[in-house]
Protein backbone atom coordinates (compact mmCIF):
# COMPACT_ATOMS: atom_id res chain seq x y z
CA UNK A 1 -2.34 25.91 -49.65
CA UNK A 2 0.05 27.53 -47.19
CA UNK A 3 3.43 26.29 -46.07
CA UNK A 4 2.45 26.61 -42.40
CA UNK A 5 0.74 23.54 -40.93
CA UNK A 6 -2.14 24.18 -38.58
CA UNK A 7 -1.14 23.53 -34.98
CA UNK A 8 -2.74 20.37 -33.58
CA UNK A 9 -4.64 20.96 -30.32
CA UNK A 10 -3.25 19.16 -27.28
CA UNK A 11 -5.43 16.30 -26.07
CA UNK A 12 -5.48 16.47 -22.23
CA UNK A 13 -6.17 12.74 -22.06
CA UNK A 14 -3.08 11.91 -24.10
CA UNK A 15 -0.99 14.34 -22.03
CA UNK A 16 -2.13 12.64 -18.82
CA UNK A 17 -1.33 9.27 -20.35
CA UNK A 18 2.19 10.37 -21.17
CA UNK A 19 2.70 11.66 -17.62
CA UNK A 20 1.44 8.33 -16.29
CA UNK A 21 3.88 6.41 -18.47
CA UNK A 22 6.77 8.65 -17.46
CA UNK A 23 5.83 8.29 -13.78
CA UNK A 24 5.82 4.50 -14.08
CA UNK A 25 9.25 4.58 -15.68
CA UNK A 26 10.50 6.94 -12.98
CA UNK A 27 9.40 4.46 -10.32
CA UNK A 28 11.52 1.79 -11.97
CA UNK A 29 14.58 3.90 -12.74
CA UNK A 30 14.86 6.43 -9.88
CA UNK A 31 17.83 5.88 -7.62
CA UNK A 32 15.81 6.86 -4.57
CA UNK A 33 12.10 6.91 -3.81
CA UNK A 34 9.94 7.05 -0.70
CA UNK A 35 8.00 4.04 -1.89
CA UNK A 36 8.28 1.42 -4.63
CA UNK A 37 5.06 -0.55 -4.87
CA UNK A 38 5.46 -4.07 -6.21
CA UNK A 39 2.84 -3.61 -8.92
CA UNK A 40 5.14 -1.15 -10.71
CA UNK A 41 7.86 -3.77 -11.19
CA UNK A 42 8.18 -5.80 -14.38
CA UNK A 43 6.59 -9.25 -14.62
CA UNK A 44 10.05 -10.81 -14.54
CA UNK A 45 10.94 -8.97 -11.35
CA UNK A 46 7.68 -9.86 -9.64
CA UNK A 47 7.93 -13.54 -10.52
CA UNK A 48 11.57 -13.64 -9.52
CA UNK A 49 10.83 -12.12 -6.11
CA UNK A 50 7.98 -14.57 -5.54
CA UNK A 51 10.15 -17.52 -6.55
CA UNK A 52 12.81 -16.39 -4.08
CA UNK A 53 10.44 -15.73 -1.15
CA UNK A 54 7.65 -18.31 -1.53
CA UNK A 55 9.60 -21.36 -0.25
CA UNK A 56 9.87 -19.66 3.14
CA UNK A 57 6.11 -19.13 3.26
CA UNK A 58 4.78 -22.49 2.02
CA UNK A 59 5.90 -25.96 0.97
CA UNK A 60 6.14 -25.69 -2.81
CA UNK A 61 6.18 -29.47 -3.17
CA UNK A 62 2.51 -29.51 -2.20
CA UNK A 63 0.02 -29.64 -5.08
CA UNK A 64 -1.64 -26.49 -6.32
CA UNK A 65 -5.00 -25.34 -5.00
CA UNK A 66 -8.29 -26.27 -6.65
CA UNK A 67 -11.34 -24.06 -6.13
CA UNK A 68 -10.16 -22.71 -2.81
CA UNK A 69 -8.52 -25.63 -1.04
CA UNK A 70 -4.86 -26.29 -0.18
CA UNK A 71 -2.75 -23.15 0.12
CA UNK A 72 -5.88 -20.97 -0.02
CA UNK A 73 -7.20 -22.62 3.15
CA UNK A 74 -3.81 -22.15 4.81
CA UNK A 75 -4.01 -18.41 4.13
CA UNK A 76 -7.61 -18.25 5.36
CA UNK A 77 -6.70 -19.97 8.62
CA UNK A 78 -3.75 -17.66 9.16
CA UNK A 79 -5.82 -14.52 8.59
CA UNK A 80 -8.55 -15.74 10.94
CA UNK A 81 -5.94 -16.33 13.64
CA UNK A 82 -4.30 -12.92 13.12
CA UNK A 83 -7.67 -11.17 13.42
CA UNK A 84 -8.95 -13.32 16.26
CA UNK A 85 -11.95 -14.48 14.22
CA UNK A 86 -13.53 -17.92 13.91
CA UNK A 87 -12.97 -18.19 10.17
CA UNK A 88 -11.96 -16.31 7.03
CA UNK A 89 -12.60 -16.63 3.30
CA UNK A 90 -10.28 -15.58 0.47
CA UNK A 91 -11.76 -13.36 -2.26
CA UNK A 92 -10.34 -12.11 -5.56
CA UNK A 93 -11.30 -8.52 -4.65
CA UNK A 94 -12.38 -6.45 -1.69
CA UNK A 95 -15.30 -5.08 -3.70
CA UNK A 96 -16.73 -8.60 -3.92
CA UNK A 97 -15.90 -9.47 -0.31
CA UNK A 98 -17.67 -6.46 1.17
CA UNK A 99 -20.78 -6.72 -0.98
CA UNK A 100 -21.16 -10.33 0.08
CA UNK A 101 -20.45 -9.67 3.76
CA UNK A 102 -23.05 -6.92 3.96
CA UNK A 103 -25.72 -8.75 1.98
CA UNK A 104 -25.24 -11.72 4.35
CA UNK A 105 -25.69 -9.41 7.33
CA UNK A 106 -28.76 -7.87 5.67
CA UNK A 107 -30.31 -11.32 5.45
CA UNK A 108 -29.74 -11.79 9.17
CA UNK A 109 -30.91 -8.36 10.34
CA UNK A 110 -33.74 -8.01 7.83
CA UNK A 111 -32.55 -4.51 6.99
CA UNK A 112 -30.58 -3.84 3.76
CA UNK A 113 -29.59 -0.31 4.86
CA UNK A 114 -25.85 0.14 5.40
CA UNK A 115 -24.68 3.27 7.23
CA UNK A 116 -21.29 4.44 6.01
CA UNK A 117 -19.18 7.54 5.48
CA UNK A 118 -19.78 9.56 2.31
CA UNK A 119 -16.04 9.26 1.58
CA UNK A 120 -15.97 5.48 2.07
CA UNK A 121 -14.53 3.42 -0.76
CA UNK A 122 -17.84 1.82 -1.88
CA UNK A 123 -19.44 5.26 -2.18
CA UNK A 124 -16.59 6.87 -4.11
CA UNK A 125 -14.82 4.16 -6.10
CA UNK A 126 -17.15 1.21 -6.75
CA UNK A 127 -19.82 2.53 -9.18
CA UNK A 128 -22.68 2.16 -6.70
CA UNK A 129 -22.10 -1.60 -6.49
CA UNK A 130 -23.80 -1.92 -3.09
CA UNK A 131 -27.15 -0.83 -4.51
CA UNK A 132 -26.75 -1.88 -8.14
CA UNK A 133 -25.42 -5.40 -7.57
CA UNK A 134 -25.98 -6.39 -3.95
CA UNK A 135 -29.43 -4.91 -3.34
CA UNK A 136 -28.17 -2.88 -0.39
CA UNK A 137 -29.20 0.67 0.53
CA UNK A 138 -26.20 2.83 1.44
CA UNK A 139 -26.93 5.66 3.88
CA UNK A 140 -24.35 8.41 4.29
CA UNK A 141 -24.06 8.89 8.02
CA UNK A 142 -21.70 11.88 7.62
CA UNK A 143 -19.95 13.88 4.89
CA UNK A 144 -17.38 15.48 7.21
CA UNK A 145 -13.73 14.80 6.20
CA UNK A 146 -12.99 12.89 9.41
CA UNK A 147 -13.76 9.44 10.79
CA UNK A 148 -17.36 8.64 11.67
CA UNK A 149 -18.13 9.56 15.27
CA UNK A 150 -20.48 8.11 17.89
CA UNK A 151 -22.45 11.35 17.67
CA UNK A 152 -22.95 10.80 13.92
CA UNK A 153 -24.33 7.33 14.54
CA UNK A 154 -26.60 8.27 17.44
CA UNK A 155 -28.02 11.34 15.66
CA UNK A 156 -28.67 9.64 12.31
CA UNK A 157 -32.39 9.80 11.57
CA UNK A 158 -32.92 6.48 9.74
CA UNK A 159 -32.63 2.89 10.98
CA UNK A 160 -29.91 0.70 9.50
CA UNK A 161 -28.91 -2.93 9.78
CA UNK A 162 -25.14 -2.50 9.54
CA UNK A 163 -22.55 0.19 10.14
CA UNK A 164 -19.49 0.02 7.90
CA UNK A 165 -16.33 1.77 9.12
CA UNK A 166 -13.36 2.24 6.79
CA UNK A 167 -10.15 1.99 8.84
CA UNK A 168 -8.29 4.14 7.95
CA UNK A 169 -10.49 6.49 5.91
CA UNK A 170 -8.30 6.88 2.85
CA UNK A 171 -9.91 9.76 0.97
CA UNK A 172 -9.96 11.94 4.09
CA UNK A 173 -6.19 11.50 4.50
CA UNK A 174 -5.81 7.91 5.79
CA UNK A 175 -7.43 9.02 9.04
CA UNK A 176 -8.11 6.82 12.05
CA UNK A 177 -10.10 7.56 15.19
CA UNK A 178 -8.53 7.17 18.59
CA UNK A 179 -9.06 3.83 20.32
CA UNK A 180 -11.62 5.40 22.63
CA UNK A 181 -13.34 7.03 19.66
CA UNK A 182 -13.53 3.72 17.83
CA UNK A 183 -14.98 1.84 20.79
CA UNK A 184 -17.55 4.61 21.27
CA UNK A 185 -18.77 4.52 17.67
CA UNK A 186 -19.07 0.72 17.84
CA UNK A 187 -21.06 1.04 21.07
CA UNK A 188 -23.32 3.60 19.39
CA UNK A 189 -24.05 1.14 16.59
CA UNK A 190 -24.83 -1.59 19.12
CA UNK A 191 -27.28 0.76 20.84
CA UNK A 192 -29.12 0.90 17.52
CA UNK A 193 -29.11 -2.91 17.16
CA UNK A 194 -26.80 -2.73 14.14
CA UNK A 195 -23.95 -5.06 13.28
CA UNK A 196 -20.53 -3.53 12.65
CA UNK A 197 -18.34 -4.30 9.65
CA UNK A 198 -14.80 -2.97 9.26
CA UNK A 199 -13.52 -2.07 5.81
CA UNK A 200 -9.98 -2.90 6.89
CA UNK A 201 -8.23 -2.71 3.52
CA UNK A 202 -5.41 -0.96 5.39
CA UNK A 203 -6.15 -2.30 8.86
CA UNK A 204 -2.74 -3.96 9.06
CA UNK A 205 -0.94 -0.63 9.70
CA UNK A 206 -3.57 0.76 12.09
CA UNK A 207 -2.13 -0.82 15.22
CA UNK A 208 0.31 2.04 15.86
CA UNK A 209 -2.30 4.80 16.05
CA UNK A 210 -4.88 2.66 17.85
CA UNK A 211 -2.33 1.19 20.25
CA UNK A 212 -3.86 -2.27 20.19
CA UNK A 213 -2.99 -5.58 18.45
CA UNK A 214 -4.85 -6.61 15.32
CA UNK A 215 -7.04 -9.17 17.07
CA UNK A 216 -8.25 -6.66 19.66
CA UNK A 217 -9.06 -4.08 16.97
CA UNK A 218 -10.87 -6.60 14.77
CA UNK A 219 -12.65 -7.98 17.82
CA UNK A 220 -14.73 -4.82 18.05
CA UNK A 221 -16.46 -5.71 14.76
CA UNK A 222 -18.77 -8.51 13.70
CA UNK A 223 -16.83 -8.93 10.44
CA UNK A 224 -13.68 -7.51 8.88
CA UNK A 225 -12.33 -7.28 5.35
CA UNK A 226 -8.57 -7.01 4.73
CA UNK A 227 -6.55 -6.55 1.55
CA UNK A 228 -3.34 -8.31 0.58
CA UNK A 229 -1.95 -5.91 -2.02
CA UNK A 230 -2.31 -2.41 -0.58
CA UNK A 231 0.06 -2.60 2.39
CA UNK A 232 1.37 -6.15 2.09
CA UNK A 233 2.45 -5.76 -1.56
CA UNK A 234 0.77 -8.96 -2.74
CA UNK A 235 -0.42 -9.61 -6.28
CA UNK A 236 -4.03 -8.93 -5.23
CA UNK A 237 -6.77 -10.60 -3.24
CA UNK A 238 -8.68 -9.99 -0.04
CA UNK A 239 -10.16 -11.86 2.90
CA UNK A 240 -13.38 -11.64 4.85
CA UNK A 241 -13.18 -12.73 8.48
CA UNK A 242 -15.95 -13.24 11.00
CA UNK A 243 -18.19 -15.89 12.57
CA UNK A 244 -17.91 -19.30 10.93
CA UNK A 245 -21.57 -19.35 9.91
CA UNK A 246 -21.21 -15.98 8.16
CA UNK A 247 -18.03 -17.06 6.38
CA UNK A 248 -19.60 -20.30 5.16
CA UNK A 249 -22.55 -18.38 3.73
CA UNK A 250 -20.12 -15.87 2.21
CA UNK A 251 -18.33 -18.72 0.43
CA UNK A 252 -21.62 -19.79 -1.14
CA UNK A 253 -22.16 -16.24 -2.39
CA UNK A 254 -18.54 -16.10 -3.53
CA UNK A 255 -19.35 -19.01 -5.84
CA UNK A 256 -22.44 -17.21 -7.16
CA UNK A 257 -20.40 -14.07 -7.81
CA UNK A 258 -17.82 -16.02 -9.80
CA UNK A 259 -15.15 -15.65 -7.14
CA UNK A 260 -14.39 -19.33 -6.54
CA UNK A 261 -11.49 -19.38 -8.97
CA UNK A 262 -9.94 -22.60 -10.33
CA UNK A 263 -6.39 -21.86 -9.11
CA UNK A 264 -5.10 -18.85 -7.17
CA UNK A 265 -1.77 -20.00 -5.79
CA UNK A 266 0.42 -17.18 -7.19
CA UNK A 267 -1.74 -14.50 -5.55
CA UNK A 268 -2.15 -16.51 -2.35
CA UNK A 269 1.59 -17.20 -2.08
CA UNK A 270 2.29 -13.49 -2.52
CA UNK A 271 -0.15 -12.77 0.32
CA UNK A 272 1.61 -15.25 2.61
CA UNK A 273 4.93 -13.62 1.73
CA UNK A 274 3.45 -10.21 2.55
CA UNK A 275 2.29 -11.45 5.94
CA UNK A 276 5.78 -12.77 6.62
CA UNK A 277 7.80 -9.85 5.29
CA UNK A 278 5.76 -6.66 5.16
CA UNK A 279 3.37 -6.99 8.09
CA UNK A 280 6.16 -6.96 10.74
CA UNK A 281 7.69 -3.83 9.13
CA UNK A 282 4.57 -1.69 8.97
CA UNK A 283 5.09 -0.07 12.40
CA UNK A 284 8.55 1.00 11.24
CA UNK A 285 7.05 2.50 8.09
CA UNK A 286 4.49 4.42 10.16
CA UNK A 287 7.17 5.82 12.47
CA UNK A 288 9.31 6.97 9.56
CA UNK A 289 6.32 8.45 7.73
CA UNK A 290 6.05 10.84 10.65
CA UNK A 291 9.68 11.86 10.19
CA UNK A 292 9.09 12.44 6.47
CA UNK A 293 5.86 14.38 7.08
CA UNK A 294 7.57 16.70 9.57
CA UNK A 295 10.43 17.35 7.17
CA UNK A 296 7.99 18.09 4.36
CA UNK A 297 6.13 20.62 6.51
CA UNK A 298 9.35 22.35 7.51
CA UNK A 299 10.73 22.42 3.98
CA UNK A 300 7.61 23.89 2.40
CA UNK A 301 7.32 26.45 5.20
CA UNK A 302 10.86 27.58 4.42
CA UNK A 303 10.21 27.90 0.68
CA UNK A 304 9.67 31.55 -0.28
CA UNK A 305 7.86 30.71 -3.53
CA UNK A 306 5.16 28.58 -1.88
CA UNK A 307 2.53 30.70 -0.09
CA UNK A 308 1.23 27.74 1.86
CA UNK A 309 1.32 23.95 1.96
CA UNK A 310 -0.59 21.35 3.93
CA UNK A 311 0.60 17.95 5.09
CA UNK A 312 -2.50 16.10 6.26
CA UNK A 313 -2.67 14.87 8.88
CA UNK A 314 0.28 16.73 10.36
CA UNK A 315 1.30 13.55 12.18
CA UNK A 316 0.32 10.64 9.90
CA UNK A 317 -1.95 8.00 11.41
CA UNK A 318 -0.44 5.33 9.14
CA UNK A 319 2.48 5.21 6.70
CA UNK A 320 0.39 7.16 4.17
CA UNK A 321 -0.79 10.76 4.16
CA UNK A 322 -1.75 13.65 1.86
CA UNK A 323 0.13 16.71 0.63
CA UNK A 324 -1.90 19.73 -0.59
CA UNK A 325 -0.32 22.54 -2.64
CA UNK A 326 -1.68 25.71 -4.32
CA UNK A 327 -0.86 24.72 -7.91
CA UNK A 328 -2.51 23.11 -10.89
CA UNK A 329 -2.17 19.32 -10.93
CA UNK A 330 -0.48 19.28 -14.35
CA UNK A 331 2.32 21.58 -13.16
CA UNK A 332 2.95 19.48 -10.05
CA UNK A 333 2.89 16.22 -12.03
CA UNK A 334 5.43 17.59 -14.51
CA UNK A 335 7.71 18.83 -11.72
CA UNK A 336 7.49 15.49 -9.87
CA UNK A 337 8.30 13.37 -12.90
CA UNK A 338 10.89 15.81 -14.23
CA UNK A 339 12.71 15.79 -10.91
CA UNK A 340 12.92 12.00 -10.98
CA UNK A 341 14.07 11.92 -14.61
CA UNK A 342 16.79 14.52 -14.13
CA UNK A 343 18.04 13.84 -10.59
CA UNK A 344 17.04 10.22 -9.92
CA UNK A 345 15.02 11.35 -6.87
CA UNK A 346 11.32 10.52 -6.84
CA UNK A 347 9.86 12.62 -4.03
CA UNK A 348 6.20 12.47 -5.05
CA UNK A 349 5.51 9.18 -6.79
CA UNK A 350 1.72 9.34 -6.76
CA UNK A 351 -0.58 11.12 -9.16
CA UNK A 352 -1.59 14.71 -8.42
CA UNK A 353 -5.35 15.27 -8.30
CA UNK A 354 -7.01 18.58 -9.06
CA UNK A 355 -8.97 19.50 -5.91
CA UNK A 356 -10.15 22.93 -7.02
CA UNK A 357 -8.93 25.96 -9.00
CA UNK A 358 -5.20 26.24 -8.34
CA UNK A 359 -5.37 23.50 -5.71
CA UNK A 360 -4.08 19.93 -5.91
CA UNK A 361 -3.25 17.03 -3.64
CA UNK A 362 -1.27 13.82 -3.77
CA UNK A 363 -0.82 10.80 -1.53
CA UNK A 364 2.58 10.01 -0.01
CA UNK A 365 3.49 6.48 1.06
CA UNK A 366 6.61 5.48 2.99
CA UNK A 367 7.80 1.91 2.50
CA UNK A 368 11.13 0.12 2.79
CA UNK A 369 12.90 2.37 0.28
CA UNK A 370 11.80 5.43 2.21
CA UNK A 371 13.53 4.31 5.40
CA UNK A 372 16.85 5.41 3.91
CA UNK A 373 15.65 9.02 3.65
CA UNK A 374 16.77 11.31 6.45
CA UNK A 375 14.96 14.54 7.21
CA UNK A 376 17.67 16.53 5.41
CA UNK A 377 17.20 14.38 2.31
CA UNK A 378 13.51 15.30 2.28
CA UNK A 379 14.27 19.01 2.71
CA UNK A 380 16.81 18.97 -0.12
CA UNK A 381 14.36 17.20 -2.43
CA UNK A 382 11.61 19.70 -1.58
CA UNK A 383 13.88 22.66 -2.35
CA UNK A 384 14.63 21.21 -5.80
CA UNK A 385 10.96 20.40 -6.39
CA UNK A 386 9.83 23.92 -5.48
CA UNK A 387 12.42 25.43 -7.82
CA UNK A 388 10.90 23.39 -10.66
CA UNK A 389 7.35 24.46 -9.88
CA UNK A 390 8.01 28.16 -9.24
CA UNK A 391 5.42 30.55 -7.88
CA UNK A 392 1.76 29.62 -8.30
CA UNK A 393 -0.11 31.66 -10.88
CA UNK A 394 -2.73 34.08 -9.63
């Protein structure tokens, strides 16, 4: 035997796990961050915040909900009113809500084909649930990294019963069409006798770019799904809004899917709090995201060690956008977390994804904490970040 122990190979999975744990701790401990999502807080903090805010949103002396009544119905009525729809149904997840909505529409149209973007959430993140679980037939109307256009819909060679539009299209950079572009693509679907469903997980913050109130935007569609935890910082949950007959059928399917839960008041109360507190602030977040994005572009352009950088879109359509850099994801993740650990500044709080050899991207979100950042603060943080990353390797 030798005195020298054989070096243990590094497990990439364990390394990624350690980075994830360090990032989560950085979110909690950093003195400044562009965004602090509620789900990263401790259980004690989340329950304490709900206990403090819930009495303003609902009478806590009322009994708890049972299988979707009480406070759940109050939330459903409020969402329907906000979206200008006849009715709404609460769901545990958006995955369930959208499967059910589109299978209900398929029963009405007689066509299970659903036209959608290749980068839409059900195609990328839901393990083929539309076809595997709901008996639907997804058709990719375009693969281009931009919102679906009227030309895409009119030129598509197969018939379909429903067109699903994700607003905004997250994986393409949280992109939204213009108002005219959106009305045109809806008209194109109508020309093909298709119903229109909006995947509006982040519809709440789309009013700034589209220049219309929520009810007018939602009114273009036959049905709309919205999320309560992505932008509103709730514990979870979603809602499907549309005609009353569709919603009543959807509730029957919700039961079949196991989504009629015994009690849901903590999640529902957090959604009501989000509607009260976060929804009115979203336009402010969008406006400041544009300030942050501009400062990021300027700071990276001024950095000698970075050959190029891309903030996409250059002017964010919502309070979220992408940053692309010519480095390996592991190096960027280490620099991001290390910066937070050593300086207390968390510039890039999201994970870095490898998008190709020597190419990575991350998502940037601006929430309440980010409003305190001035453009100079962003530039200073970028200069420190770049110094930690260095020049990209050839």
